[in-house]
Every structure is written in C-alpha cells, then in structure tokens.
PDB file of N, CA and C in Angstrom:
ATOM      1  N   MET A   1      24.177  13.187   4.318  1.00  0.00           N
ATOM      2  CA  MET A   1      23.364  12.082   4.872  1.00  0.00           C
ATOM      3  C   MET A   1      22.879  11.197   3.832  1.00  0.00           C
ATOM      4  N   VAL A   2      22.457  11.684   2.652  1.00  0.00           N
ATOM      5  CA  VAL A   2      21.963  10.881   1.568  1.00  0.00           C
ATOM      6  C   VAL A   2      23.082   9.850   1.133  1.00  0.00           C
ATOM      7  N   ASP A   3      24.335  10.228   1.249  1.00  0.00           N
ATOM      8  CA  ASP A   3      25.382   9.357   0.832  1.00  0.00           C
ATOM      9  C   ASP A   3      25.460   8.161   1.753  1.00  0.00           C
ATOM     10  N   ASP A   4      24.972   8.191   2.939  1.00  0.00           N
ATOM     11  CA  ASP A   4      25.010   7.062   3.994  1.00  0.00           C
ATOM     12  C   ASP A   4      23.829   6.056   3.790  1.00  0.00           C
ATOM     13  N   LEU A   5      22.883   6.403   2.864  1.00  0.00           N
ATOM     14  CA  LEU A   5      21.708   5.450   2.694  1.00  0.00           C
ATOM     15  C   LEU A   5      22.083   4.399   1.688  1.00  0.00           C
ATOM     16  N   VAL A   6      21.530   3.245   1.941  1.00  0.00           N
ATOM     17  CA  VAL A   6      21.639   2.156   1.063  1.00  0.00           C
ATOM     18  C   VAL A   6      20.348   2.191   0.237  1.00  0.00           C
ATOM     19  N   SER A   7      20.400   2.351  -1.090  1.00  0.00           N
ATOM     20  CA  SER A   7      19.243   2.555  -1.873  1.00  0.00           C
ATOM     21  C   SER A   7      19.055   1.417  -2.884  1.00  0.00           C
ATOM     22  N   GLY A   8      19.295   0.126  -2.427  1.00  0.00           N
ATOM     23  CA  GLY A   8      19.072  -0.974  -3.342  1.00  0.00           C
ATOM     24  C   GLY A   8      17.720  -1.624  -3.096  1.00  0.00           C
ATOM     25  N   GLU A   9      17.471  -2.645  -3.938  1.00  0.00           N
ATOM     26  CA  GLU A   9      16.218  -3.370  -3.887  1.00  0.00           C
ATOM     27  C   GLU A   9      16.108  -4.052  -2.507  1.00  0.00           C
ATOM     28  N   GLY A  10      15.047  -3.941  -1.761  1.00  0.00           N
ATOM     29  CA  GLY A  10      14.836  -4.559  -0.494  1.00  0.00           C
ATOM     30  C   GLY A  10      15.445  -3.758   0.660  1.00  0.00           C
ATOM     31  N   SER A  11      16.093  -2.588   0.376  1.00  0.00           N
ATOM     32  CA  SER A  11      16.624  -1.804   1.405  1.00  0.00           C
ATOM     33  C   SER A  11      15.648  -1.052   2.274  1.00  0.00           C
ATOM     34  N   GLY A  12      14.461  -0.831   1.734  1.00  0.00           N
ATOM     35  CA  GLY A  12      13.358  -0.168   2.509  1.00  0.00           C
ATOM     36  C   GLY A  12      13.413   1.316   2.200  1.00  0.00           C
ATOM     37  N   VAL A  13      14.470   1.851   1.588  1.00  0.00           N
ATOM     38  CA  VAL A  13      14.495   3.263   1.213  1.00  0.00           C
ATOM     39  C   VAL A  13      14.891   3.426  -0.211  1.00  0.00           C
ATOM     40  N   ILE A  14      14.235   4.279  -0.948  1.00  0.00           N
ATOM     41  CA  ILE A  14      14.684   4.574  -2.252  1.00  0.00           C
ATOM     42  C   ILE A  14      14.640   6.048  -2.409  1.00  0.00           C
ATOM     43  N   LEU A  15      15.492   6.542  -3.251  1.00  0.00           N
ATOM     44  CA  LEU A  15      15.536   8.002  -3.512  1.00  0.00           C
ATOM     45  C   LEU A  15      14.476   8.374  -4.586  1.00  0.00           C
ATOM     46  N   PRO A  16      13.679   9.442  -4.301  1.00  0.00           N
ATOM     47  CA  PRO A  16      12.598   9.669  -5.207  1.00  0.00           C
ATOM     48  C   PRO A  16      13.106  10.182  -6.534  1.00  0.00           C
ATOM     49  N   SER A  17      12.330   9.867  -7.694  1.00  0.00           N
ATOM     50  CA  SER A  17      12.626  10.338  -8.972  1.00  0.00           C
ATOM     51  C   SER A  17      12.072  11.789  -9.023  1.00  0.00           C
ATOM     52  N   GLU A  18      12.637  12.502 -10.053  1.00  0.00           N
ATOM     53  CA  GLU A  18      12.210  13.940 -10.142  1.00  0.00           C
ATOM     54  C   GLU A  18      10.703  14.027 -10.374  1.00  0.00           C
ATOM     55  N   GLY A  19      10.006  14.881  -9.440  1.00  0.00           N
ATOM     56  CA  GLY A  19       8.697  15.057  -9.519  1.00  0.00           C
ATOM     57  C   GLY A  19       7.885  14.134  -8.668  1.00  0.00           C
ATOM     58  N   ASP A  20       8.505  13.079  -8.095  1.00  0.00           N
ATOM     59  CA  ASP A  20       7.735  12.180  -7.182  1.00  0.00           C
ATOM     60  C   ASP A  20       7.435  12.838  -5.914  1.00  0.00           C
ATOM     61  N   GLU A  21       6.230  12.371  -5.331  1.00  0.00           N
ATOM     62  CA  GLU A  21       5.930  12.788  -3.935  1.00  0.00           C
ATOM     63  C   GLU A  21       6.864  12.153  -2.994  1.00  0.00           C
ATOM     64  N   SER A  22       7.282  12.944  -1.992  1.00  0.00           N
ATOM     65  CA  SER A  22       8.194  12.372  -0.974  1.00  0.00           C
ATOM     66  C   SER A  22       7.927  12.952   0.371  1.00  0.00           C
ATOM     67  N   GLY A  23       8.546  12.401   1.339  1.00  0.00           N
ATOM     68  CA  GLY A  23       8.340  12.816   2.704  1.00  0.00           C
ATOM     69  C   GLY A  23       9.067  14.078   2.957  1.00  0.00           C
ATOM     70  N   PRO A  24       9.120  14.511   4.222  1.00  0.00           N
ATOM     71  CA  PRO A  24       9.722  15.823   4.618  1.00  0.00           C
ATOM     72  C   PRO A  24      11.189  15.823   4.316  1.00  0.00           C
ATOM     73  N   ASP A  25      11.900  14.739   4.354  1.00  0.00           N
ATOM     74  CA  ASP A  25      13.338  14.685   4.181  1.00  0.00           C
ATOM     75  C   ASP A  25      13.717  14.267   2.782  1.00  0.00           C
ATOM     76  N   GLY A  26      12.628  14.235   1.873  1.00  0.00           N
ATOM     77  CA  GLY A  26      12.908  13.948   0.423  1.00  0.00           C
ATOM     78  C   GLY A  26      13.140  12.498   0.164  1.00  0.00           C
ATOM     79  N   LEU A  27      12.713  11.555   1.094  1.00  0.00           N
ATOM     80  CA  LEU A  27      12.858  10.093   0.940  1.00  0.00           C
ATOM     81  C   LEU A  27      11.456   9.496   0.811  1.00  0.00           C
ATOM     82  N   VAL A  28      11.498   8.361   0.118  1.00  0.00           N
ATOM     83  CA  VAL A  28      10.279   7.538  -0.024  1.00  0.00           C
ATOM     84  C   VAL A  28      10.571   6.301   0.710  1.00  0.00           C
ATOM     85  N   PHE A  29       9.708   5.881   1.646  1.00  0.00           N
ATOM     86  CA  PHE A  29      10.026   4.679   2.429  1.00  0.00           C
ATOM     87  C   PHE A  29       9.104   3.591   1.869  1.00  0.00           C
ATOM     88  N   GLN A  30       9.630   2.423   1.671  1.00  0.00           N
ATOM     89  CA  GLN A  30       8.740   1.294   1.190  1.00  0.00           C
ATOM     90  C   GLN A  30       8.951   0.170   2.259  1.00  0.00           C
ATOM     91  N   PHE A  31       7.747  -0.439   2.628  1.00  0.00           N
ATOM     92  CA  PHE A  31       7.820  -1.491   3.567  1.00  0.00           C
ATOM     93  C   PHE A  31       6.977  -2.679   2.935  1.00  0.00           C
ATOM     94  N   PRO A  32       7.436  -3.919   3.094  1.00  0.00           N
ATOM     95  CA  PRO A  32       6.723  -5.055   2.605  1.00  0.00           C
ATOM     96  C   PRO A  32       5.381  -5.137   3.319  1.00  0.00           C
ATOM     97  N   VAL A  33       4.309  -5.570   2.607  1.00  0.00           N
ATOM     98  CA  VAL A  33       3.007  -5.654   3.243  1.00  0.00           C
ATOM     99  C   VAL A  33       2.412  -6.948   2.766  1.00  0.00           C
ATOM    100  N   GLU A  34       1.861  -7.759   3.667  1.00  0.00           N
ATOM    101  CA  GLU A  34       1.146  -8.954   3.259  1.00  0.00           C
ATOM    102  C   GLU A  34      -0.289  -8.788   3.608  1.00  0.00           C
ATOM    103  N   ILE A  35      -1.164  -8.972   2.669  1.00  0.00           N
ATOM    104  CA  ILE A  35      -2.590  -8.855   2.935  1.00  0.00           C
ATOM    105  C   ILE A  35      -3.237 -10.201   2.599  1.00  0.00           C
ATOM    106  N   GLU A  36      -4.067 -10.679   3.577  1.00  0.00           N
ATOM    107  CA  GLU A  36      -4.854 -11.889   3.314  1.00  0.00           C
ATOM    108  C   GLU A  36      -6.174 -11.645   3.248  1.00  0.00           C
ATOM    109  N   VAL A  37      -6.954 -12.073   2.154  1.00  0.00           N
ATOM    110  CA  VAL A  37      -8.299 -11.809   1.928  1.00  0.00           C
ATOM    111  C   VAL A  37      -9.040 -13.100   1.909  1.00  0.00           C
ATOM    112  N   ARG A  38     -10.146 -13.190   2.681  1.00  0.00           N
ATOM    113  CA  ARG A  38     -10.980 -14.328   2.626  1.00  0.00           C
ATOM    114  C   ARG A  38     -12.410 -13.962   2.279  1.00  0.00           C
ATOM    115  N   VAL A  39     -12.945 -14.510   1.322  1.00  0.00           N
ATOM    116  CA  VAL A  39     -14.380 -14.208   0.862  1.00  0.00           C
ATOM    117  C   VAL A  39     -15.238 -15.251   1.493  1.00  0.00           C
ATOM    118  N   VAL A  40     -16.114 -14.786   2.327  1.00  0.00           N
ATOM    119  CA  VAL A  40     -17.089 -15.738   2.910  1.00  0.00           C
ATOM    120  C   VAL A  40     -18.457 -15.313   2.624  1.00  0.00           C
ATOM    121  N   ALA A  41     -19.404 -16.212   2.788  1.00  0.00           N
ATOM    122  CA  ALA A  41     -20.881 -15.881   2.514  1.00  0.00           C
ATOM    123  C   ALA A  41     -21.223 -14.700   3.433  1.00  0.00           C
ATOM    124  N   PRO A  42     -21.952 -13.702   2.788  1.00  0.00           N
ATOM    125  CA  PRO A  42     -22.278 -12.521   3.662  1.00  0.00           C
ATOM    126  C   PRO A  42     -23.340 -12.885   4.667  1.00  0.00           C
ATOM    127  N   TYR A  43     -23.291 -12.217   5.755  1.00  0.00           N
ATOM    128  CA  TYR A  43     -24.282 -12.330   6.809  1.00  0.00           C
ATOM    129  C   TYR A  43     -25.654 -11.975   6.286  1.00  0.00           C
ATOM    130  N   ASP A  44     -25.669 -10.851   5.580  1.00  0.00           N
ATOM    131  CA  ASP A  44     -26.966 -10.402   4.916  1.00  0.00           C
ATOM    132  C   ASP A  44     -27.089 -11.057   3.585  1.00  0.00           C
ATOM    133  N   PRO A  45     -28.079 -11.942   3.359  1.00  0.00           N
ATOM    134  CA  PRO A  45     -28.253 -12.641   2.053  1.00  0.00           C
ATOM    135  C   PRO A  45     -28.422 -11.658   0.946  1.00  0.00           C
ATOM    136  N   ASP A  46     -28.831 -10.492   1.106  1.00  0.00           N
ATOM    137  CA  ASP A  46     -29.080  -9.465   0.100  1.00  0.00           C
ATOM    138  C   ASP A  46     -27.712  -8.873  -0.340  1.00  0.00           C
ATOM    139  N   GLN A  47     -26.739  -8.944   0.486  1.00  0.00           N
ATOM    140  CA  GLN A  47     -25.437  -8.296   0.187  1.00  0.00           C
ATOM    141  C   GLN A  47     -24.693  -9.153  -0.883  1.00  0.00           C
ATOM    142  N   LEU A  48     -24.222  -8.541  -1.970  1.00  0.00           N
ATOM    143  CA  LEU A  48     -23.641  -9.253  -3.111  1.00  0.00           C
ATOM    144  C   LEU A  48     -22.160  -9.370  -2.764  1.00  0.00           C
ATOM    145  N   VAL A  49     -21.513 -10.249  -3.316  1.00  0.00           N
ATOM    146  CA  VAL A  49     -20.042 -10.452  -3.162  1.00  0.00           C
ATOM    147  C   VAL A  49     -19.377  -9.263  -3.777  1.00  0.00           C
ATOM    148  N   THR A  50     -19.903  -8.653  -4.887  1.00  0.00           N
ATOM    149  CA  THR A  50     -19.357  -7.612  -5.534  1.00  0.00           C
ATOM    150  C   THR A  50     -19.227  -6.343  -4.641  1.00  0.00           C
ATOM    151  N   THR A  51     -20.288  -6.162  -3.911  1.00  0.00           N
ATOM    152  CA  THR A  51     -20.363  -5.096  -2.924  1.00  0.00           C
ATOM    153  C   THR A  51     -19.177  -5.290  -1.879  1.00  0.00           C
ATOM    154  N   ALA A  52     -19.056  -6.463  -1.395  1.00  0.00           N
ATOM    155  CA  ALA A  52     -17.947  -6.671  -0.462  1.00  0.00           C
ATOM    156  C   ALA A  52     -16.582  -6.464  -1.119  1.00  0.00           C
ATOM    157  N   LEU A  53     -16.366  -6.911  -2.303  1.00  0.00           N
ATOM    158  CA  LEU A  53     -15.136  -6.570  -3.066  1.00  0.00           C
ATOM    159  C   LEU A  53     -14.986  -5.067  -3.318  1.00  0.00           C
ATOM    160  N   ASP A  54     -15.980  -4.329  -3.566  1.00  0.00           N
ATOM    161  CA  ASP A  54     -15.848  -2.980  -3.770  1.00  0.00           C
ATOM    162  C   ASP A  54     -15.486  -2.242  -2.495  1.00  0.00           C
ATOM    163  N   ARG A  55     -16.032  -2.715  -1.325  1.00  0.00           N
ATOM    164  CA  ARG A  55     -15.538  -2.107  -0.059  1.00  0.00           C
ATOM    165  C   ARG A  55     -14.122  -2.425   0.257  1.00  0.00           C
ATOM    166  N   LEU A  56     -13.711  -3.650  -0.079  1.00  0.00           N
ATOM    167  CA  LEU A  56     -12.261  -4.065   0.154  1.00  0.00           C
ATOM    168  C   LEU A  56     -11.348  -3.190  -0.842  1.00  0.00           C
ATOM    169  N   THR A  57     -11.769  -3.051  -2.020  1.00  0.00           N
ATOM    170  CA  THR A  57     -10.992  -2.232  -2.854  1.00  0.00           C
ATOM    171  C   THR A  57     -10.904  -0.776  -2.407  1.00  0.00           C
ATOM    172  N   ALA A  58     -11.942  -0.248  -2.004  1.00  0.00           N
ATOM    173  CA  ALA A  58     -11.912   1.192  -1.390  1.00  0.00           C
ATOM    174  C   ALA A  58     -11.031   1.256  -0.173  1.00  0.00           C
ATOM    175  N   ALA A  59     -11.122   0.279   0.696  1.00  0.00           N
ATOM    176  CA  ALA A  59     -10.250   0.247   1.853  1.00  0.00           C
ATOM    177  C   ALA A  59      -8.748   0.230   1.492  1.00  0.00           C
ATOM    178  N   LEU A  60      -8.423  -0.679   0.558  1.00  0.00           N
ATOM    179  CA  LEU A  60      -7.083  -0.819   0.117  1.00  0.00           C
ATOM    180  C   LEU A  60      -6.544   0.508  -0.519  1.00  0.00           C
ATOM    181  N   GLN A  61      -7.278   1.123  -1.296  1.00  0.00           N
ATOM    182  CA  GLN A  61      -6.970   2.325  -1.921  1.00  0.00           C
ATOM    183  C   GLN A  61      -6.782   3.427  -0.916  1.00  0.00           C
ATOM    184  N   GLY A  62      -7.529   3.327   0.244  1.00  0.00           N
ATOM    185  CA  GLY A  62      -7.313   4.351   1.250  1.00  0.00           C
ATOM    186  C   GLY A  62      -5.993   4.212   1.973  1.00  0.00           C
ATOM    187  N   LEU A  63      -5.261   3.078   1.827  1.00  0.00           N
ATOM    188  CA  LEU A  63      -3.945   2.900   2.443  1.00  0.00           C
ATOM    189  C   LEU A  63      -2.816   3.656   1.658  1.00  0.00           C
ATOM    190  N   THR A  64      -3.119   3.929   0.456  1.00  0.00           N
ATOM    191  CA  THR A  64      -2.063   4.630  -0.374  1.00  0.00           C
ATOM    192  C   THR A  64      -2.056   6.045  -0.230  1.00  0.00           C
TER     193      THR A  64
END
C-alpha cells in the first residue's frame, strides 16, 4: 500500500523519517492551514497586548 502513495511536496502525505512520531498506519498527514490574526484594542483596558499574544501563542501551540 505504501507503494501506492504519492509522497511529493504538496501531496498531503509524507513518509515519516526514522524516529518521527506517526499515526497508526505509520503515515504523517500534512494539511495546509491559513490563520488570520487581528490585534484590536482589548475590552478590558488593564489587559495588555502581550497577554493577548501569550494566549494566542498558547492556543496555537495546543494545535500541534
């Protein structure tokens, strides 16, 4: 079955390198993701932009 896979750039499937984490079938799936970020004035004047960016960073890290 692995011989049937297209493993080029943009194919959505790559074969894992030795020691890489992979799914149950030994494949790593990659999907393009587009994220749009808008920084606006906080509702709470005491909330700093850095706090908002820290929360965004934590949320994005949670996706991996």
